[in-house]
Amino acid sequence: LEQIGAKGTTVGGVIVSKEHANWLMNSGSGTQNDVLELSKLLQNKVKERFNIALEREVQLVSSAGHLL
């Protein structure tokens, strides 16, 4: 993630930490959708640059209990 310049990237109220590119942080106004969109953006950038498909370590679950 550091090699694609992810640090400091934001979507809505969620930012990639400037200290560690693996940390997504809520600035206080971030939503679940912001987290998902930022995650997808980072996955797409890594895929485009390195042809590597990143997978989330954390599993996201909807309020109905379904994996996202």
PDB file of N, CA and C in Angstrom:
ATOM      1  N   LEU A   1       0.817  -1.199   0.000  1.00  0.00           N
ATOM      2  CA  LEU A   1       0.000   0.000   0.000  1.00  0.00           C
ATOM      3  C   LEU A   1       0.860   1.263   0.000  1.00  0.00           C
ATOM      4  N   GLU A   2       1.988   1.190   0.686  1.00  0.00           N
ATOM      5  CA  GLU A   2       2.877   2.350   0.671  1.00  0.00           C
ATOM      6  C   GLU A   2       3.411   2.610  -0.731  1.00  0.00           C
ATOM      7  N   GLN A   3       3.650   1.561  -1.502  1.00  0.00           N
ATOM      8  CA  GLN A   3       4.208   1.713  -2.843  1.00  0.00           C
ATOM      9  C   GLN A   3       3.224   2.324  -3.829  1.00  0.00           C
ATOM     10  N   ILE A   4       1.938   2.348  -3.500  1.00  0.00           N
ATOM     11  CA  ILE A   4       0.966   3.022  -4.374  1.00  0.00           C
ATOM     12  C   ILE A   4       0.631   4.414  -3.842  1.00  0.00           C
ATOM     13  N   GLY A   5       1.314   4.824  -2.759  1.00  0.00           N
ATOM     14  CA  GLY A   5       1.090   6.157  -2.202  1.00  0.00           C
ATOM     15  C   GLY A   5      -0.215   6.275  -1.440  1.00  0.00           C
ATOM     16  N   ALA A   6      -0.625   5.212  -0.770  1.00  0.00           N
ATOM     17  CA  ALA A   6      -1.924   5.179  -0.106  1.00  0.00           C
ATOM     18  C   ALA A   6      -2.009   6.071   1.128  1.00  0.00           C
ATOM     19  N   LYS A   7      -0.895   6.296   1.804  1.00  0.00           N
ATOM     20  CA  LYS A   7      -0.937   7.082   3.045  1.00  0.00           C
ATOM     21  C   LYS A   7      -1.585   8.442   2.795  1.00  0.00           C
ATOM     22  N   GLY A   8      -2.568   8.770   3.643  1.00  0.00           N
ATOM     23  CA  GLY A   8      -3.252  10.054   3.528  1.00  0.00           C
ATOM     24  C   GLY A   8      -4.440  10.051   2.581  1.00  0.00           C
ATOM     25  N   THR A   9      -4.651   8.964   1.854  1.00  0.00           N
ATOM     26  CA  THR A   9      -5.801   8.879   0.949  1.00  0.00           C
ATOM     27  C   THR A   9      -7.085   8.879   1.767  1.00  0.00           C
ATOM     28  N   THR A  10      -8.079   9.631   1.304  1.00  0.00           N
ATOM     29  CA  THR A  10      -9.339   9.705   2.030  1.00  0.00           C
ATOM     30  C   THR A  10     -10.518   9.402   1.115  1.00  0.00           C
ATOM     31  N   VAL A  11     -11.541   8.847   1.722  1.00  0.00           N
ATOM     32  CA  VAL A  11     -12.865   8.735   1.108  1.00  0.00           C
ATOM     33  C   VAL A  11     -13.837   9.142   2.203  1.00  0.00           C
ATOM     34  N   GLY A  12     -14.592  10.198   1.955  1.00  0.00           N
ATOM     35  CA  GLY A  12     -15.510  10.704   2.971  1.00  0.00           C
ATOM     36  C   GLY A  12     -14.755  11.014   4.240  1.00  0.00           C
ATOM     37  N   GLY A  13     -15.179  10.407   5.347  1.00  0.00           N
ATOM     38  CA  GLY A  13     -14.550  10.662   6.628  1.00  0.00           C
ATOM     39  C   GLY A  13     -13.557   9.609   7.060  1.00  0.00           C
ATOM     40  N   VAL A  14     -13.077   8.785   6.114  1.00  0.00           N
ATOM     41  CA  VAL A  14     -12.119   7.724   6.440  1.00  0.00           C
ATOM     42  C   VAL A  14     -10.811   8.013   5.718  1.00  0.00           C
ATOM     43  N   ILE A  15      -9.709   7.876   6.445  1.00  0.00           N
ATOM     44  CA  ILE A  15      -8.382   8.188   5.900  1.00  0.00           C
ATOM     45  C   ILE A  15      -7.432   7.023   6.138  1.00  0.00           C
ATOM     46  N   VAL A  16      -6.516   6.815   5.185  1.00  0.00           N
ATOM     47  CA  VAL A  16      -5.428   5.859   5.388  1.00  0.00           C
ATOM     48  C   VAL A  16      -4.388   6.567   6.247  1.00  0.00           C
ATOM     49  N   SER A  17      -3.999   5.932   7.337  1.00  0.00           N
ATOM     50  CA  SER A  17      -3.038   6.524   8.263  1.00  0.00           C
ATOM     51  C   SER A  17      -1.779   7.002   7.544  1.00  0.00           C
ATOM     52  N   LYS A  18      -1.259   8.132   7.991  1.00  0.00           N
ATOM     53  CA  LYS A  18      -0.001   8.639   7.446  1.00  0.00           C
ATOM     54  C   LYS A  18       1.193   7.935   8.080  1.00  0.00           C
ATOM     55  N   GLU A  19       0.946   7.176   9.158  1.00  0.00           N
ATOM     56  CA  GLU A  19       2.012   6.437   9.828  1.00  0.00           C
ATOM     57  C   GLU A  19       2.150   5.017   9.302  1.00  0.00           C
ATOM     58  N   HIS A  20       1.012   4.373   8.995  1.00  0.00           N
ATOM     59  CA  HIS A  20       1.019   2.970   8.567  1.00  0.00           C
ATOM     60  C   HIS A  20      -0.115   2.767   7.567  1.00  0.00           C
ATOM     61  N   ALA A  21       0.227   2.403   6.347  1.00  0.00           N
ATOM     62  CA  ALA A  21      -0.757   2.343   5.269  1.00  0.00           C
ATOM     63  C   ALA A  21      -1.792   1.231   5.437  1.00  0.00           C
ATOM     64  N   ASN A  22      -1.612   0.339   6.394  1.00  0.00           N
ATOM     65  CA  ASN A  22      -2.601  -0.724   6.627  1.00  0.00           C
ATOM     66  C   ASN A  22      -3.719  -0.277   7.556  1.00  0.00           C
ATOM     67  N   TRP A  23      -3.633   0.914   8.112  1.00  0.00           N
ATOM     68  CA  TRP A  23      -4.630   1.375   9.066  1.00  0.00           C
ATOM     69  C   TRP A  23      -5.595   2.343   8.396  1.00  0.00           C
ATOM     70  N   LEU A  24      -6.885   2.011   8.447  1.00  0.00           N
ATOM     71  CA  LEU A  24      -7.924   2.928   8.000  1.00  0.00           C
ATOM     72  C   LEU A  24      -8.511   3.565   9.253  1.00  0.00           C
ATOM     73  N   MET A  25      -8.568   4.886   9.267  1.00  0.00           N
ATOM     74  CA  MET A  25      -8.999   5.591  10.470  1.00  0.00           C
ATOM     75  C   MET A  25     -10.209   6.470  10.180  1.00  0.00           C
ATOM     76  N   ASN A  26     -11.131   6.510  11.125  1.00  0.00           N
ATOM     77  CA  ASN A  26     -12.303   7.355  11.022  1.00  0.00           C
ATOM     78  C   ASN A  26     -11.964   8.725  11.587  1.00  0.00           C
ATOM     79  N   SER A  27     -12.159   9.760  10.784  1.00  0.00           N
ATOM     80  CA  SER A  27     -11.863  11.124  11.238  1.00  0.00           C
ATOM     81  C   SER A  27     -12.959  11.655  12.145  1.00  0.00           C
ATOM     82  N   GLY A  28     -14.025  10.876  12.331  1.00  0.00           N
ATOM     83  CA  GLY A  28     -15.134  11.297  13.169  1.00  0.00           C
ATOM     84  C   GLY A  28     -16.448  11.313  12.420  1.00  0.00           C
ATOM     85  N   SER A  29     -16.368  11.432  11.102  1.00  0.00           N
ATOM     86  CA  SER A  29     -17.585  11.491  10.296  1.00  0.00           C
ATOM     87  C   SER A  29     -17.661  10.350   9.285  1.00  0.00           C
ATOM     88  N   GLY A  30     -16.737   9.394   9.377  1.00  0.00           N
ATOM     89  CA  GLY A  30     -16.692   8.292   8.428  1.00  0.00           C
ATOM     90  C   GLY A  30     -17.852   7.329   8.602  1.00  0.00           C
ATOM     91  N   THR A  31     -18.254   6.742   7.495  1.00  0.00           N
ATOM     92  CA  THR A  31     -19.348   5.777   7.502  1.00  0.00           C
ATOM     93  C   THR A  31     -18.842   4.417   7.064  1.00  0.00           C
ATOM     94  N   GLN A  32     -19.677   3.414   7.256  1.00  0.00           N
ATOM     95  CA  GLN A  32     -19.341   2.078   6.771  1.00  0.00           C
ATOM     96  C   GLN A  32     -19.093   2.123   5.268  1.00  0.00           C
ATOM     97  N   ASN A  33     -19.903   2.876   4.557  1.00  0.00           N
ATOM     98  CA  ASN A  33     -19.737   2.981   3.110  1.00  0.00           C
ATOM     99  C   ASN A  33     -18.392   3.603   2.744  1.00  0.00           C
ATOM    100  N   ASP A  34     -17.946   4.599   3.516  1.00  0.00           N
ATOM    101  CA  ASP A  34     -16.636   5.212   3.276  1.00  0.00           C
ATOM    102  C   ASP A  34     -15.521   4.177   3.416  1.00  0.00           C
ATOM    103  N   VAL A  35     -15.617   3.335   4.451  1.00  0.00           N
ATOM    104  CA  VAL A  35     -14.616   2.284   4.669  1.00  0.00           C
ATOM    105  C   VAL A  35     -14.600   1.328   3.483  1.00  0.00           C
ATOM    106  N   LEU A  36     -15.780   0.898   3.043  1.00  0.00           N
ATOM    107  CA  LEU A  36     -15.866  -0.035   1.917  1.00  0.00           C
ATOM    108  C   LEU A  36     -15.313   0.574   0.639  1.00  0.00           C
ATOM    109  N   GLU A  37     -15.665   1.828   0.368  1.00  0.00           N
ATOM    110  CA  GLU A  37     -15.193   2.487  -0.852  1.00  0.00           C
ATOM    111  C   GLU A  37     -13.690   2.698  -0.838  1.00  0.00           C
ATOM    112  N   LEU A  38     -13.134   3.105   0.305  1.00  0.00           N
ATOM    113  CA  LEU A  38     -11.689   3.297   0.408  1.00  0.00           C
ATOM    114  C   LEU A  38     -10.968   1.966   0.233  1.00  0.00           C
ATOM    115  N   SER A  39     -11.488   0.932   0.842  1.00  0.00           N
ATOM    116  CA  SER A  39     -10.909  -0.401   0.714  1.00  0.00           C
ATOM    117  C   SER A  39     -10.901  -0.853  -0.750  1.00  0.00           C
ATOM    118  N   LYS A  40     -12.011  -0.661  -1.428  1.00  0.00           N
ATOM    119  CA  LYS A  40     -12.103  -1.042  -2.852  1.00  0.00           C
ATOM    120  C   LYS A  40     -11.135  -0.220  -3.703  1.00  0.00           C
ATOM    121  N   LEU A  41     -11.028   1.074  -3.407  1.00  0.00           N
ATOM    122  CA  LEU A  41     -10.106   1.941  -4.140  1.00  0.00           C
ATOM    123  C   LEU A  41      -8.676   1.440  -4.016  1.00  0.00           C
ATOM    124  N   LEU A  42      -8.275   1.101  -2.791  1.00  0.00           N
ATOM    125  CA  LEU A  42      -6.917   0.610  -2.559  1.00  0.00           C
ATOM    126  C   LEU A  42      -6.690  -0.732  -3.248  1.00  0.00           C
ATOM    127  N   GLN A  43      -7.661  -1.622  -3.160  1.00  0.00           N
ATOM    128  CA  GLN A  43      -7.556  -2.918  -3.835  1.00  0.00           C
ATOM    129  C   GLN A  43      -7.372  -2.716  -5.339  1.00  0.00           C
ATOM    130  N   ASN A  44      -8.150  -1.810  -5.923  1.00  0.00           N
ATOM    131  CA  ASN A  44      -8.063  -1.564  -7.368  1.00  0.00           C
ATOM    132  C   ASN A  44      -6.717  -0.979  -7.768  1.00  0.00           C
ATOM    133  N   LYS A  45      -6.198  -0.050  -6.969  1.00  0.00           N
ATOM    134  CA  LYS A  45      -4.897   0.558  -7.291  1.00  0.00           C
ATOM    135  C   LYS A  45      -3.773  -0.480  -7.241  1.00  0.00           C
ATOM    136  N   VAL A  46      -3.799  -1.357  -6.239  1.00  0.00           N
ATOM    137  CA  VAL A  46      -2.776  -2.407  -6.135  1.00  0.00           C
ATOM    138  C   VAL A  46      -2.909  -3.378  -7.307  1.00  0.00           C
ATOM    139  N   LYS A  47      -4.130  -3.727  -7.668  1.00  0.00           N
ATOM    140  CA  LYS A  47      -4.359  -4.652  -8.793  1.00  0.00           C
ATOM    141  C   LYS A  47      -3.826  -4.044 -10.091  1.00  0.00           C
ATOM    142  N   GLU A  48      -4.124  -2.759 -10.316  1.00  0.00           N
ATOM    143  CA  GLU A  48      -3.663  -2.083 -11.535  1.00  0.00           C
ATOM    144  C   GLU A  48      -2.138  -2.006 -11.606  1.00  0.00           C
ATOM    145  N   ARG A  49      -1.504  -1.675 -10.499  1.00  0.00           N
ATOM    146  CA  ARG A  49      -0.052  -1.460 -10.515  1.00  0.00           C
ATOM    147  C   ARG A  49       0.758  -2.748 -10.465  1.00  0.00           C
ATOM    148  N   PHE A  50       0.317  -3.715  -9.643  1.00  0.00           N
ATOM    149  CA  PHE A  50       1.125  -4.909  -9.406  1.00  0.00           C
ATOM    150  C   PHE A  50       0.465  -6.212  -9.853  1.00  0.00           C
ATOM    151  N   ASN A  51      -0.785  -6.118 -10.313  1.00  0.00           N
ATOM    152  CA  ASN A  51      -1.561  -7.302 -10.693  1.00  0.00           C
ATOM    153  C   ASN A  51      -1.675  -8.292  -9.526  1.00  0.00           C
ATOM    154  N   ILE A  52      -1.889  -7.735  -8.328  1.00  0.00           N
ATOM    155  CA  ILE A  52      -2.084  -8.531  -7.118  1.00  0.00           C
ATOM    156  C   ILE A  52      -3.465  -8.205  -6.565  1.00  0.00           C
ATOM    157  N   ALA A  53      -4.239  -9.238  -6.293  1.00  0.00           N
ATOM    158  CA  ALA A  53      -5.579  -9.052  -5.730  1.00  0.00           C
ATOM    159  C   ALA A  53      -5.501  -9.121  -4.204  1.00  0.00           C
ATOM    160  N   LEU A  54      -5.635  -7.968  -3.560  1.00  0.00           N
ATOM    161  CA  LEU A  54      -5.609  -7.936  -2.102  1.00  0.00           C
ATOM    162  C   LEU A  54      -6.928  -8.452  -1.540  1.00  0.00           C
ATOM    163  N   GLU A  55      -6.833  -9.114  -0.397  1.00  0.00           N
ATOM    164  CA  GLU A  55      -8.019  -9.552   0.319  1.00  0.00           C
ATOM    165  C   GLU A  55      -7.984  -8.931   1.702  1.00  0.00           C
ATOM    166  N   ARG A  56      -9.137  -8.533   2.198  1.00  0.00           N
ATOM    167  CA  ARG A  56      -9.206  -7.953   3.538  1.00  0.00           C
ATOM    168  C   ARG A  56      -8.930  -9.024   4.579  1.00  0.00           C
ATOM    169  N   GLU A  57      -8.184  -8.682   5.615  1.00  0.00           N
ATOM    170  CA  GLU A  57      -7.981  -9.594   6.743  1.00  0.00           C
ATOM    171  C   GLU A  57      -9.221  -9.607   7.627  1.00  0.00           C
ATOM    172  N   VAL A  58      -9.857  -8.469   7.730  1.00  0.00           N
ATOM    173  CA  VAL A  58     -11.054  -8.338   8.552  1.00  0.00           C
ATOM    174  C   VAL A  58     -12.257  -8.698   7.696  1.00  0.00           C
ATOM    175  N   GLN A  59     -13.149  -9.492   8.246  1.00  0.00           N
ATOM    176  CA  GLN A  59     -14.375  -9.820   7.534  1.00  0.00           C
ATOM    177  C   GLN A  59     -15.445  -8.824   7.925  1.00  0.00           C
ATOM    178  N   LEU A  60     -16.112  -8.262   6.930  1.00  0.00           N
ATOM    179  CA  LEU A  60     -17.150  -7.284   7.167  1.00  0.00           C
ATOM    180  C   LEU A  60     -18.498  -7.995   7.141  1.00  0.00           C
ATOM    181  N   VAL A  61     -19.338  -7.674   8.122  1.00  0.00           N
ATOM    182  CA  VAL A  61     -20.627  -8.331   8.266  1.00  0.00           C
ATOM    183  C   VAL A  61     -21.717  -7.257   8.281  1.00  0.00           C
ATOM    184  N   SER A  62     -22.778  -7.487   7.513  1.00  0.00           N
ATOM    185  CA  SER A  62     -23.903  -6.557   7.503  1.00  0.00           C
ATOM    186  C   SER A  62     -24.705  -6.675   8.789  1.00  0.00           C
ATOM    187  N   SER A  63     -25.621  -5.741   9.004  1.00  0.00           N
ATOM    188  CA  SER A  63     -26.456  -5.778  10.209  1.00  0.00           C
ATOM    189  C   SER A  63     -27.356  -7.009  10.224  1.00  0.00           C
ATOM    190  N   ALA A  64     -27.566  -7.615   9.046  1.00  0.00           N
ATOM    191  CA  ALA A  64     -28.364  -8.842   8.956  1.00  0.00           C
ATOM    192  C   ALA A  64     -27.506 -10.085   9.162  1.00  0.00           C
ATOM    193  N   GLY A  65     -26.196  -9.902   9.370  1.00  0.00           N
ATOM    194  CA  GLY A  65     -25.311 -11.022   9.626  1.00  0.00           C
ATOM    195  C   GLY A  65     -24.704 -11.656   8.394  1.00  0.00           C
ATOM    196  N   HIS A  66     -24.842 -11.009   7.229  1.00  0.00           N
ATOM    197  CA  HIS A  66     -24.284 -11.537   5.978  1.00  0.00           C
ATOM    198  C   HIS A  66     -22.899 -10.961   5.733  1.00  0.00           C
ATOM    199  N   LEU A  67     -21.973 -11.777   5.244  1.00  0.00           N
ATOM    200  CA  LEU A  67     -20.650 -11.279   4.895  1.00  0.00           C
ATOM    201  C   LEU A  67     -20.757 -10.321   3.723  1.00  0.00           C
ATOM    202  N   LEU A  68     -20.003  -9.233   3.778  1.00  0.00           N
ATOM    203  CA  LEU A  68     -19.977  -8.264   2.684  1.00  0.00           C
ATOM    204  C   LEU A  68     -18.787  -8.512   1.803  1.00  0.00           C
TER     205      LEU A  68
END
